Amino acid sequence: MIHMLSRFNLADGASAEQVARGYVRLVTLLRQHDLVAATSRMGQRLDDTPMDTDAGDNRRYFTVMSFRDRAQLDRSYAQLLGDRPGPALAAAHDFIRNSTRDQLFTCWQDPD
């Protein structure tokens, strides 16, 4: 399984509730097109605990997407580049992209 941690802030004028609803729409469409295996809900950072040691990063929100394998990950990425299976998926992804800023993505793979 491959995982992608997405960390981000909200764009000016966007609310966490709006972005969370938009993320649910995006995830639903990704699942319909078999472009993701599992996802977390959108979460908010809890940086007022000593367990959070990343003082250099000010991103407030996160999601985690999981992919069965590299092939599914690559198909999912291809839809970002324009190989989209339909206008609904394009609109859902564009909504998230336009409602967030300072995006940072990190991928890792489970050991076999």
PDB file of N, CA and C in Angstrom:
ATOM      1  N   MET A   1       0.859  -1.171   0.000  1.00  0.00           N
ATOM      2  CA  MET A   1       0.000   0.000   0.000  1.00  0.00           C
ATOM      3  C   MET A   1       0.907   1.237   0.000  1.00  0.00           C
ATOM      4  N   ILE A   2       0.506   2.230  -0.775  1.00  0.00           N
ATOM      5  CA  ILE A   2       1.212   3.511  -0.841  1.00  0.00           C
ATOM      6  C   ILE A   2       0.296   4.573  -0.251  1.00  0.00           C
ATOM      7  N   HIS A   3       0.864   5.472   0.519  1.00  0.00           N
ATOM      8  CA  HIS A   3       0.088   6.511   1.192  1.00  0.00           C
ATOM      9  C   HIS A   3       0.610   7.881   0.786  1.00  0.00           C
ATOM     10  N   MET A   4      -0.303   8.842   0.747  1.00  0.00           N
ATOM     11  CA  MET A   4       0.076  10.227   0.471  1.00  0.00           C
ATOM     12  C   MET A   4      -0.515  11.111   1.563  1.00  0.00           C
ATOM     13  N   LEU A   5       0.361  11.770   2.290  1.00  0.00           N
ATOM     14  CA  LEU A   5      -0.038  12.767   3.279  1.00  0.00           C
ATOM     15  C   LEU A   5      -0.092  14.112   2.570  1.00  0.00           C
ATOM     16  N   SER A   6      -1.232  14.772   2.637  1.00  0.00           N
ATOM     17  CA  SER A   6      -1.396  16.117   2.077  1.00  0.00           C
ATOM     18  C   SER A   6      -1.566  17.076   3.242  1.00  0.00           C
ATOM     19  N   ARG A   7      -0.704  18.074   3.305  1.00  0.00           N
ATOM     20  CA  ARG A   7      -0.825  19.108   4.330  1.00  0.00           C
ATOM     21  C   ARG A   7      -1.075  20.429   3.618  1.00  0.00           C
ATOM     22  N   PHE A   8      -1.911  21.281   4.210  1.00  0.00           N
ATOM     23  CA  PHE A   8      -2.294  22.506   3.519  1.00  0.00           C
ATOM     24  C   PHE A   8      -2.923  23.489   4.496  1.00  0.00           C
ATOM     25  N   ASN A   9      -3.059  24.711   4.023  1.00  0.00           N
ATOM     26  CA  ASN A   9      -3.844  25.742   4.692  1.00  0.00           C
ATOM     27  C   ASN A   9      -5.055  26.036   3.825  1.00  0.00           C
ATOM     28  N   LEU A  10      -6.003  26.727   4.372  1.00  0.00           N
ATOM     29  CA  LEU A  10      -7.188  27.117   3.616  1.00  0.00           C
ATOM     30  C   LEU A  10      -6.907  28.406   2.850  1.00  0.00           C
ATOM     31  N   ALA A  11      -7.449  28.499   1.653  1.00  0.00           N
ATOM     32  CA  ALA A  11      -7.339  29.729   0.878  1.00  0.00           C
ATOM     33  C   ALA A  11      -8.208  30.805   1.539  1.00  0.00           C
ATOM     34  N   ASP A  12      -7.895  32.050   1.278  1.00  0.00           N
ATOM     35  CA  ASP A  12      -8.698  33.148   1.811  1.00  0.00           C
ATOM     36  C   ASP A  12     -10.153  32.954   1.399  1.00  0.00           C
ATOM     37  N   GLY A  13     -11.049  33.085   2.350  1.00  0.00           N
ATOM     38  CA  GLY A  13     -12.470  32.955   2.085  1.00  0.00           C
ATOM     39  C   GLY A  13     -13.016  31.540   2.155  1.00  0.00           C
ATOM     40  N   ALA A  14     -12.153  30.541   2.227  1.00  0.00           N
ATOM     41  CA  ALA A  14     -12.619  29.147   2.303  1.00  0.00           C
ATOM     42  C   ALA A  14     -12.786  28.752   3.767  1.00  0.00           C
ATOM     43  N   SER A  15     -13.814  27.971   4.048  1.00  0.00           N
ATOM     44  CA  SER A  15     -14.000  27.476   5.410  1.00  0.00           C
ATOM     45  C   SER A  15     -13.624  26.005   5.465  1.00  0.00           C
ATOM     46  N   ALA A  16     -13.255  25.550   6.650  1.00  0.00           N
ATOM     47  CA  ALA A  16     -12.903  24.144   6.837  1.00  0.00           C
ATOM     48  C   ALA A  16     -14.083  23.246   6.476  1.00  0.00           C
ATOM     49  N   GLU A  17     -15.281  23.655   6.802  1.00  0.00           N
ATOM     50  CA  GLU A  17     -16.463  22.857   6.500  1.00  0.00           C
ATOM     51  C   GLU A  17     -16.662  22.715   4.994  1.00  0.00           C
ATOM     52  N   GLN A  18     -16.502  23.811   4.250  1.00  0.00           N
ATOM     53  CA  GLN A  18     -16.647  23.766   2.794  1.00  0.00           C
ATOM     54  C   GLN A  18     -15.605  22.833   2.169  1.00  0.00           C
ATOM     55  N   VAL A  19     -14.368  22.964   2.612  1.00  0.00           N
ATOM     56  CA  VAL A  19     -13.290  22.151   2.054  1.00  0.00           C
ATOM     57  C   VAL A  19     -13.501  20.685   2.420  1.00  0.00           C
ATOM     58  N   ALA A  20     -13.919  20.407   3.655  1.00  0.00           N
ATOM     59  CA  ALA A  20     -14.175  19.020   4.061  1.00  0.00           C
ATOM     60  C   ALA A  20     -15.283  18.404   3.209  1.00  0.00           C
ATOM     61  N   ARG A  21     -16.347  19.139   2.939  1.00  0.00           N
ATOM     62  CA  ARG A  21     -17.428  18.628   2.079  1.00  0.00           C
ATOM     63  C   ARG A  21     -16.911  18.408   0.654  1.00  0.00           C
ATOM     64  N   GLY A  22     -16.108  19.335   0.170  1.00  0.00           N
ATOM     65  CA  GLY A  22     -15.525  19.182  -1.162  1.00  0.00           C
ATOM     66  C   GLY A  22     -14.596  17.982  -1.247  1.00  0.00           C
ATOM     67  N   TYR A  23     -13.867  17.732  -0.173  1.00  0.00           N
ATOM     68  CA  TYR A  23     -12.972  16.574  -0.137  1.00  0.00           C
ATOM     69  C   TYR A  23     -13.778  15.274  -0.186  1.00  0.00           C
ATOM     70  N   VAL A  24     -14.893  15.227   0.512  1.00  0.00           N
ATOM     71  CA  VAL A  24     -15.762  14.040   0.469  1.00  0.00           C
ATOM     72  C   VAL A  24     -16.252  13.811  -0.963  1.00  0.00           C
ATOM     73  N   ARG A  25     -16.654  14.881  -1.665  1.00  0.00           N
ATOM     74  CA  ARG A  25     -17.075  14.755  -3.071  1.00  0.00           C
ATOM     75  C   ARG A  25     -15.944  14.201  -3.929  1.00  0.00           C
ATOM     76  N   LEU A  26     -14.736  14.753  -3.743  1.00  0.00           N
ATOM     77  CA  LEU A  26     -13.577  14.301  -4.512  1.00  0.00           C
ATOM     78  C   LEU A  26     -13.293  12.828  -4.247  1.00  0.00           C
ATOM     79  N   VAL A  27     -13.275  12.437  -2.989  1.00  0.00           N
ATOM     80  CA  VAL A  27     -12.988  11.049  -2.627  1.00  0.00           C
ATOM     81  C   VAL A  27     -14.045  10.109  -3.214  1.00  0.00           C
ATOM     82  N   THR A  28     -15.297  10.500  -3.162  1.00  0.00           N
ATOM     83  CA  THR A  28     -16.364   9.672  -3.725  1.00  0.00           C
ATOM     84  C   THR A  28     -16.114   9.414  -5.203  1.00  0.00           C
ATOM     85  N   LEU A  29     -15.748  10.442  -5.939  1.00  0.00           N
ATOM     86  CA  LEU A  29     -15.486  10.295  -7.373  1.00  0.00           C
ATOM     87  C   LEU A  29     -14.218   9.486  -7.633  1.00  0.00           C
ATOM     88  N   LEU A  30     -13.185   9.711  -6.844  1.00  0.00           N
ATOM     89  CA  LEU A  30     -11.963   8.919  -7.008  1.00  0.00           C
ATOM     90  C   LEU A  30     -12.249   7.437  -6.794  1.00  0.00           C
ATOM     91  N   ARG A  31     -13.060   7.127  -5.801  1.00  0.00           N
ATOM     92  CA  ARG A  31     -13.422   5.724  -5.547  1.00  0.00           C
ATOM     93  C   ARG A  31     -14.243   5.147  -6.698  1.00  0.00           C
ATOM     94  N   GLN A  32     -15.171   5.937  -7.226  1.00  0.00           N
ATOM     95  CA  GLN A  32     -15.991   5.464  -8.345  1.00  0.00           C
ATOM     96  C   GLN A  32     -15.143   5.094  -9.552  1.00  0.00           C
ATOM     97  N   HIS A  33     -14.030   5.785  -9.727  1.00  0.00           N
ATOM     98  CA  HIS A  33     -13.144   5.538 -10.862  1.00  0.00           C
ATOM     99  C   HIS A  33     -11.943   4.667 -10.484  1.00  0.00           C
ATOM    100  N   ASP A  34     -11.991   4.067  -9.297  1.00  0.00           N
ATOM    101  CA  ASP A  34     -10.922   3.182  -8.805  1.00  0.00           C
ATOM    102  C   ASP A  34      -9.554   3.876  -8.832  1.00  0.00           C
ATOM    103  N   LEU A  35      -9.534   5.130  -8.363  1.00  0.00           N
ATOM    104  CA  LEU A  35      -8.293   5.904  -8.334  1.00  0.00           C
ATOM    105  C   LEU A  35      -7.729   6.068  -6.929  1.00  0.00           C
ATOM    106  N   VAL A  36      -8.363   5.465  -5.936  1.00  0.00           N
ATOM    107  CA  VAL A  36      -7.877   5.518  -4.565  1.00  0.00           C
ATOM    108  C   VAL A  36      -8.416   4.283  -3.836  1.00  0.00           C
ATOM    109  N   ALA A  37      -7.636   3.763  -2.897  1.00  0.00           N
ATOM    110  CA  ALA A  37      -8.066   2.579  -2.146  1.00  0.00           C
ATOM    111  C   ALA A  37      -8.746   2.961  -0.834  1.00  0.00           C
ATOM    112  N   ALA A  38      -8.215   3.966  -0.151  1.00  0.00           N
ATOM    113  CA  ALA A  38      -8.768   4.386   1.139  1.00  0.00           C
ATOM    114  C   ALA A  38      -8.352   5.831   1.397  1.00  0.00           C
ATOM    115  N   THR A  39      -9.088   6.491   2.288  1.00  0.00           N
ATOM    116  CA  THR A  39      -8.761   7.875   2.640  1.00  0.00           C
ATOM    117  C   THR A  39      -9.105   8.134   4.097  1.00  0.00           C
ATOM    118  N   SER A  40      -8.459   9.137   4.635  1.00  0.00           N
ATOM    119  CA  SER A  40      -8.851   9.651   5.947  1.00  0.00           C
ATOM    120  C   SER A  40      -9.887  10.748   5.732  1.00  0.00           C
ATOM    121  N   ARG A  41     -10.486  11.171   6.800  1.00  0.00           N
ATOM    122  CA  ARG A  41     -11.255  12.412   6.762  1.00  0.00           C
ATOM    123  C   ARG A  41     -10.258  13.561   6.812  1.00  0.00           C
ATOM    124  N   MET A  42     -10.704  14.753   6.469  1.00  0.00           N
ATOM    125  CA  MET A  42      -9.838  15.915   6.601  1.00  0.00           C
ATOM    126  C   MET A  42      -9.667  16.206   8.084  1.00  0.00           C
ATOM    127  N   GLY A  43      -8.436  16.378   8.502  1.00  0.00           N
ATOM    128  CA  GLY A  43      -8.167  16.650   9.912  1.00  0.00           C
ATOM    129  C   GLY A  43      -7.509  17.996  10.105  1.00  0.00           C
ATOM    130  N   GLN A  44      -7.514  18.443  11.343  1.00  0.00           N
ATOM    131  CA  GLN A  44      -6.888  19.711  11.696  1.00  0.00           C
ATOM    132  C   GLN A  44      -5.730  19.430  12.645  1.00  0.00           C
ATOM    133  N   ARG A  45      -4.643  20.116  12.414  1.00  0.00           N
ATOM    134  CA  ARG A  45      -3.437  19.930  13.198  1.00  0.00           C
ATOM    135  C   ARG A  45      -3.657  20.317  14.653  1.00  0.00           C
ATOM    136  N   LEU A  46      -3.031  19.573  15.521  1.00  0.00           N
ATOM    137  CA  LEU A  46      -3.045  19.841  16.964  1.00  0.00           C
ATOM    138  C   LEU A  46      -1.596  20.103  17.367  1.00  0.00           C
ATOM    139  N   ASP A  47      -1.185  21.371  17.271  1.00  0.00           N
ATOM    140  CA  ASP A  47       0.230  21.684  17.497  1.00  0.00           C
ATOM    141  C   ASP A  47       0.530  22.223  18.888  1.00  0.00           C
ATOM    142  N   ASP A  48      -0.442  22.186  19.789  1.00  0.00           N
ATOM    143  CA  ASP A  48      -0.190  22.680  21.143  1.00  0.00           C
ATOM    144  C   ASP A  48       0.125  21.529  22.103  1.00  0.00           C
ATOM    145  N   THR A  49       0.713  20.478  21.563  1.00  0.00           N
ATOM    146  CA  THR A  49       1.129  19.345  22.368  1.00  0.00           C
ATOM    147  C   THR A  49       2.623  19.090  22.131  1.00  0.00           C
ATOM    148  N   PRO A  50       3.341  18.603  23.120  1.00  0.00           N
ATOM    149  CA  PRO A  50       4.763  18.309  22.910  1.00  0.00           C
ATOM    150  C   PRO A  50       4.997  17.176  21.908  1.00  0.00           C
ATOM    151  N   MET A  51       3.937  16.435  21.560  1.00  0.00           N
ATOM    152  CA  MET A  51       4.080  15.364  20.571  1.00  0.00           C
ATOM    153  C   MET A  51       4.242  15.924  19.156  1.00  0.00           C
ATOM    154  N   ASP A  52       3.831  17.168  18.919  1.00  0.00           N
ATOM    155  CA  ASP A  52       3.985  17.820  17.622  1.00  0.00           C
ATOM    156  C   ASP A  52       5.298  18.588  17.659  1.00  0.00           C
ATOM    157  N   THR A  53       6.289  18.093  16.936  1.00  0.00           N
ATOM    158  CA  THR A  53       7.632  18.676  17.007  1.00  0.00           C
ATOM    159  C   THR A  53       8.040  19.427  15.742  1.00  0.00           C
ATOM    160  N   ASP A  54       7.120  19.629  14.805  1.00  0.00           N
ATOM    161  CA  ASP A  54       7.443  20.290  13.543  1.00  0.00           C
ATOM    162  C   ASP A  54       7.172  21.789  13.651  1.00  0.00           C
ATOM    163  N   ALA A  55       8.067  22.488  14.335  1.00  0.00           N
ATOM    164  CA  ALA A  55       7.876  23.920  14.568  1.00  0.00           C
ATOM    165  C   ALA A  55       8.019  24.747  13.292  1.00  0.00           C
ATOM    166  N   GLY A  56       8.614  24.199  12.255  1.00  0.00           N
ATOM    167  CA  GLY A  56       8.849  24.963  11.036  1.00  0.00           C
ATOM    168  C   GLY A  56       7.714  24.932  10.034  1.00  0.00           C
ATOM    169  N   ASP A  57       6.689  24.151  10.275  1.00  0.00           N
ATOM    170  CA  ASP A  57       5.598  24.014   9.309  1.00  0.00           C
ATOM    171  C   ASP A  57       4.328  24.607   9.899  1.00  0.00           C
ATOM    172  N   ASN A  58       3.725  25.550   9.182  1.00  0.00           N
ATOM    173  CA  ASN A  58       2.524  26.220   9.704  1.00  0.00           C
ATOM    174  C   ASN A  58       1.232  25.695   9.079  1.00  0.00           C
ATOM    175  N   ARG A  59       1.298  24.606   8.347  1.00  0.00           N
ATOM    176  CA  ARG A  59       0.084  24.067   7.717  1.00  0.00           C
ATOM    177  C   ARG A  59      -0.861  23.544   8.786  1.00  0.00           C
ATOM    178  N   ARG A  60      -2.154  23.844   8.631  1.00  0.00           N
ATOM    179  CA  ARG A  60      -3.144  23.568   9.679  1.00  0.00           C
ATOM    180  C   ARG A  60      -4.012  22.338   9.422  1.00  0.00           C
ATOM    181  N   TYR A  61      -4.080  21.857   8.172  1.00  0.00           N
ATOM    182  CA  TYR A  61      -5.014  20.779   7.828  1.00  0.00           C
ATOM    183  C   TYR A  61      -4.277  19.669   7.101  1.00  0.00           C
ATOM    184  N   PHE A  62      -4.895  18.471   7.101  1.00  0.00           N
ATOM    185  CA  PHE A  62      -4.258  17.343   6.433  1.00  0.00           C
ATOM    186  C   PHE A  62      -5.300  16.322   5.983  1.00  0.00           C
ATOM    187  N   THR A  63      -4.897  15.512   5.033  1.00  0.00           N
ATOM    188  CA  THR A  63      -5.632  14.312   4.629  1.00  0.00           C
ATOM    189  C   THR A  63      -4.600  13.242   4.317  1.00  0.00           C
ATOM    190  N   VAL A  64      -5.043  11.987   4.338  1.00  0.00           N
ATOM    191  CA  VAL A  64      -4.198  10.870   3.918  1.00  0.00           C
ATOM    192  C   VAL A  64      -4.994  10.058   2.899  1.00  0.00           C
ATOM    193  N   MET A  65      -4.398   9.821   1.750  1.00  0.00           N
ATOM    194  CA  MET A  65      -4.977   8.938   0.734  1.00  0.00           C
ATOM    195  C   MET A  65      -4.078   7.718   0.621  1.00  0.00           C
ATOM    196  N   SER A  66      -4.688   6.568   0.421  1.00  0.00           N
ATOM    197  CA  SER A  66      -3.933   5.330   0.263  1.00  0.00           C
ATOM    198  C   SER A  66      -4.278   4.694  -1.078  1.00  0.00           C
ATOM    199  N   PHE A  67      -3.258   4.134  -1.699  1.00  0.00           N
ATOM    200  CA  PHE A  67      -3.377   3.516  -3.013  1.00  0.00           C
ATOM    201  C   PHE A  67      -2.907   2.064  -2.916  1.00  0.00           C
ATOM    202  N   ARG A  68      -3.598   1.167  -3.626  1.00  0.00           N
ATOM    203  CA  ARG A  68      -3.242  -0.259  -3.579  1.00  0.00           C
ATOM    204  C   ARG A  68      -1.813  -0.503  -4.006  1.00  0.00           C
ATOM    205  N   ASP A  69      -1.398   0.209  -5.064  1.00  0.00           N
ATOM    206  CA  ASP A  69      -0.083  -0.041  -5.651  1.00  0.00           C
ATOM    207  C   ASP A  69       0.326   1.171  -6.482  1.00  0.00           C
ATOM    208  N   ARG A  70       1.499   1.072  -7.077  1.00  0.00           N
ATOM    209  CA  ARG A  70       2.031   2.183  -7.870  1.00  0.00           C
ATOM    210  C   ARG A  70       1.160   2.457  -9.100  1.00  0.00           C
ATOM    211  N   ALA A  71       0.586   1.419  -9.685  1.00  0.00           N
ATOM    212  CA  ALA A  71      -0.264   1.605 -10.861  1.00  0.00           C
ATOM    213  C   ALA A  71      -1.473   2.478 -10.524  1.00  0.00           C
ATOM    214  N   GLN A  72      -2.121   2.220  -9.395  1.00  0.00           N
ATOM    215  CA  GLN A  72      -3.274   3.033  -9.013  1.00  0.00           C
ATOM    216  C   GLN A  72      -2.841   4.460  -8.696  1.00  0.00           C
ATOM    217  N   LEU A  73      -1.718   4.615  -8.003  1.00  0.00           N
ATOM    218  CA  LEU A  73      -1.179   5.942  -7.711  1.00  0.00           C
ATOM    219  C   LEU A  73      -0.910   6.707  -9.006  1.00  0.00           C
ATOM    220  N   ASP A  74      -0.266   6.051  -9.969  1.00  0.00           N
ATOM    221  CA  ASP A  74       0.056   6.719 -11.231  1.00  0.00           C
ATOM    222  C   ASP A  74      -1.203   7.090 -12.014  1.00  0.00           C
ATOM    223  N   ARG A  75      -2.237   6.237 -11.992  1.00  0.00           N
ATOM    224  CA  ARG A  75      -3.502   6.567 -12.668  1.00  0.00           C
ATOM    225  C   ARG A  75      -4.160   7.771 -11.998  1.00  0.00           C
ATOM    226  N   SER A  76      -4.095   7.816 -10.688  1.00  0.00           N
ATOM    227  CA  SER A  76      -4.678   8.934  -9.960  1.00  0.00           C
ATOM    228  C   SER A  76      -3.946  10.234 -10.301  1.00  0.00           C
ATOM    229  N   TYR A  77      -2.620  10.164 -10.360  1.00  0.00           N
ATOM    230  CA  TYR A  77      -1.845  11.351 -10.703  1.00  0.00           C
ATOM    231  C   TYR A  77      -2.122  11.795 -12.137  1.00  0.00           C
ATOM    232  N   ALA A  78      -2.309  10.847 -13.047  1.00  0.00           N
ATOM    233  CA  ALA A  78      -2.574  11.186 -14.447  1.00  0.00           C
ATOM    234  C   ALA A  78      -3.839  12.027 -14.578  1.00  0.00           C
ATOM    235  N   GLN A  79      -4.828  11.776 -13.718  1.00  0.00           N
ATOM    236  CA  GLN A  79      -6.048  12.576 -13.807  1.00  0.00           C
ATOM    237  C   GLN A  79      -5.778  14.032 -13.439  1.00  0.00           C
ATOM    238  N   LEU A  80      -4.767  14.282 -12.619  1.00  0.00           N
ATOM    239  CA  LEU A  80      -4.406  15.663 -12.301  1.00  0.00           C
ATOM    240  C   LEU A  80      -3.824  16.382 -13.511  1.00  0.00           C
ATOM    241  N   LEU A  81      -3.210  15.621 -14.389  1.00  0.00           N
ATOM    242  CA  LEU A  81      -2.554  16.209 -15.554  1.00  0.00           C
ATOM    243  C   LEU A  81      -3.498  16.362 -16.740  1.00  0.00           C
ATOM    244  N   GLY A  82      -4.769  16.044 -16.545  1.00  0.00           N
ATOM    245  CA  GLY A  82      -5.730  16.259 -17.603  1.00  0.00           C
ATOM    246  C   GLY A  82      -6.364  14.997 -18.147  1.00  0.00           C
ATOM    247  N   ASP A  83      -5.884  13.827 -17.749  1.00  0.00           N
ATOM    248  CA  ASP A  83      -6.473  12.566 -18.207  1.00  0.00           C
ATOM    249  C   ASP A  83      -7.636  12.220 -17.283  1.00  0.00           C
ATOM    250  N   ARG A  84      -8.615  13.124 -17.218  1.00  0.00           N
ATOM    251  CA  ARG A  84      -9.710  12.996 -16.253  1.00  0.00           C
ATOM    252  C   ARG A  84     -10.863  12.207 -16.850  1.00  0.00           C
ATOM    253  N   PRO A  85     -11.422  11.304 -16.054  1.00  0.00           N
ATOM    254  CA  PRO A  85     -12.508  10.482 -16.558  1.00  0.00           C
ATOM    255  C   PRO A  85     -13.848  11.200 -16.668  1.00  0.00           C
ATOM    256  N   GLY A  86     -13.905  12.461 -16.360  1.00  0.00           N
ATOM    257  CA  GLY A  86     -15.165  13.177 -16.516  1.00  0.00           C
ATOM    258  C   GLY A  86     -15.112  14.551 -15.887  1.00  0.00           C
ATOM    259  N   PRO A  87     -16.057  15.429 -16.265  1.00  0.00           N
ATOM    260  CA  PRO A  87     -16.053  16.803 -15.756  1.00  0.00           C
ATOM    261  C   PRO A  87     -16.317  16.903 -14.257  1.00  0.00           C
ATOM    262  N   ALA A  88     -17.047  15.952 -13.685  1.00  0.00           N
ATOM    263  CA  ALA A  88     -17.330  16.022 -12.243  1.00  0.00           C
ATOM    264  C   ALA A  88     -16.051  15.873 -11.433  1.00  0.00           C
ATOM    265  N   LEU A  89     -15.177  14.941 -11.836  1.00  0.00           N
ATOM    266  CA  LEU A  89     -13.910  14.754 -11.123  1.00  0.00           C
ATOM    267  C   LEU A  89     -13.018  15.978 -11.285  1.00  0.00           C
ATOM    268  N   ALA A  90     -12.980  16.531 -12.469  1.00  0.00           N
ATOM    269  CA  ALA A  90     -12.195  17.751 -12.707  1.00  0.00           C
ATOM    270  C   ALA A  90     -12.685  18.881 -11.818  1.00  0.00           C
ATOM    271  N   ALA A  91     -13.991  19.067 -11.752  1.00  0.00           N
ATOM    272  CA  ALA A  91     -14.554  20.143 -10.935  1.00  0.00           C
ATOM    273  C   ALA A  91     -14.280  19.920  -9.456  1.00  0.00           C
ATOM    274  N   ALA A  92     -14.398  18.677  -8.993  1.00  0.00           N
ATOM    275  CA  ALA A  92     -14.157  18.377  -7.579  1.00  0.00           C
ATOM    276  C   ALA A  92     -12.696  18.637  -7.207  1.00  0.00           C
ATOM    277  N   HIS A  93     -11.775  18.223  -8.069  1.00  0.00           N
ATOM    278  CA  HIS A  93     -10.363  18.458  -7.773  1.00  0.00           C
ATOM    279  C   HIS A  93     -10.028  19.938  -7.856  1.00  0.00           C
ATOM    280  N   ASP A  94     -10.560  20.622  -8.845  1.00  0.00           N
ATOM    281  CA  ASP A  94     -10.306  22.063  -8.977  1.00  0.00           C
ATOM    282  C   ASP A  94     -10.839  22.827  -7.768  1.00  0.00           C
ATOM    283  N   PHE A  95     -11.985  22.403  -7.226  1.00  0.00           N
ATOM    284  CA  PHE A  95     -12.523  23.044  -6.030  1.00  0.00           C
ATOM    285  C   PHE A  95     -11.527  22.933  -4.874  1.00  0.00           C
ATOM    286  N   ILE A  96     -10.988  21.743  -4.662  1.00  0.00           N
ATOM    287  CA  ILE A  96     -10.015  21.556  -3.575  1.00  0.00           C
ATOM    288  C   ILE A  96      -8.765  22.381  -3.838  1.00  0.00           C
ATOM    289  N   ARG A  97      -8.269  22.329  -5.041  1.00  0.00           N
ATOM    290  CA  ARG A  97      -7.047  23.079  -5.378  1.00  0.00           C
ATOM    291  C   ARG A  97      -7.245  24.579  -5.161  1.00  0.00           C
ATOM    292  N   ASN A  98      -8.409  25.101  -5.523  1.00  0.00           N
ATOM    293  CA  ASN A  98      -8.672  26.535  -5.393  1.00  0.00           C
ATOM    294  C   ASN A  98      -9.055  26.957  -3.972  1.00  0.00           C
ATOM    295  N   SER A  99      -9.430  26.007  -3.139  1.00  0.00           N
ATOM    296  CA  SER A  99      -9.851  26.304  -1.769  1.00  0.00           C
ATOM    297  C   SER A  99      -8.739  26.121  -0.754  1.00  0.00           C
ATOM    298  N   THR A 100      -7.569  25.688  -1.231  1.00  0.00           N
ATOM    299  CA  THR A 100      -6.433  25.459  -0.329  1.00  0.00           C
ATOM    300  C   THR A 100      -5.210  26.191  -0.852  1.00  0.00           C
ATOM    301  N   ARG A 101      -4.227  26.323   0.020  1.00  0.00           N
ATOM    302  CA  ARG A 101      -2.950  26.942  -0.375  1.00  0.00           C
ATOM    303  C   ARG A 101      -1.844  26.274   0.431  1.00  0.00           C
ATOM    304  N   ASP A 102      -0.621  26.537   0.066  1.00  0.00           N
ATOM    305  CA  ASP A 102       0.560  26.007   0.770  1.00  0.00           C
ATOM    306  C   ASP A 102       0.557  24.483   0.806  1.00  0.00           C
ATOM    307  N   GLN A 103       0.053  23.849  -0.248  1.00  0.00           N
ATOM    308  CA  GLN A 103      -0.038  22.396  -0.270  1.00  0.00           C
ATOM    309  C   GLN A 103       1.354  21.755  -0.267  1.00  0.00           C
ATOM    310  N   LEU A 104       1.476  20.691   0.506  1.00  0.00           N
ATOM    311  CA  LEU A 104       2.703  19.899   0.551  1.00  0.00           C
ATOM    312  C   LEU A 104       2.293  18.439   0.603  1.00  0.00           C
ATOM    313  N   PHE A 105       2.868  17.637  -0.280  1.00  0.00           N
ATOM    314  CA  PHE A 105       2.487  16.238  -0.403  1.00  0.00           C
ATOM    315  C   PHE A 105       3.691  15.349  -0.121  1.00  0.00           C
ATOM    316  N   THR A 106       3.485  14.316   0.680  1.00  0.00           N
ATOM    317  CA  THR A 106       4.533  13.358   1.008  1.00  0.00           C
ATOM    318  C   THR A 106       3.986  11.957   0.783  1.00  0.00           C
ATOM    319  N   CYS A 107       4.722  11.129   0.043  1.00  0.00           N
ATOM    320  CA  CYS A 107       4.302   9.752  -0.219  1.00  0.00           C
ATOM    321  C   CYS A 107       5.260   8.774   0.446  1.00  0.00           C
ATOM    322  N   TRP A 108       4.714   7.659   0.908  1.00  0.00           N
ATOM    323  CA  TRP A 108       5.534   6.586   1.440  1.00  0.00           C
ATOM    324  C   TRP A 108       4.849   5.272   1.172  1.00  0.00           C
ATOM    325  N   GLN A 109       5.615   4.179   1.264  1.00  0.00           N
ATOM    326  CA  GLN A 109       5.090   2.857   0.969  1.00  0.00           C
ATOM    327  C   GLN A 109       5.271   1.958   2.179  1.00  0.00           C
ATOM    328  N   ASP A 110       4.240   1.129   2.444  1.00  0.00           N
ATOM    329  CA  ASP A 110       4.349   0.140   3.522  1.00  0.00           C
ATOM    330  C   ASP A 110       5.418  -0.884   3.147  1.00  0.00           C
ATOM    331  N   PRO A 111       6.127  -1.400   4.146  1.00  0.00           N
ATOM    332  CA  PRO A 111       7.068  -2.484   3.843  1.00  0.00           C
ATOM    333  C   PRO A 111       6.296  -3.738   3.436  1.00  0.00           C
ATOM    334  N   ASP A 112       6.889  -4.528   2.586  1.00  0.00           N
ATOM    335  CA  ASP A 112       6.223  -5.778   2.162  1.00  0.00           C
ATOM    336  C   ASP A 112       6.219  -6.813   3.253  1.00  0.00           C
TER     337      ASP A 112
END
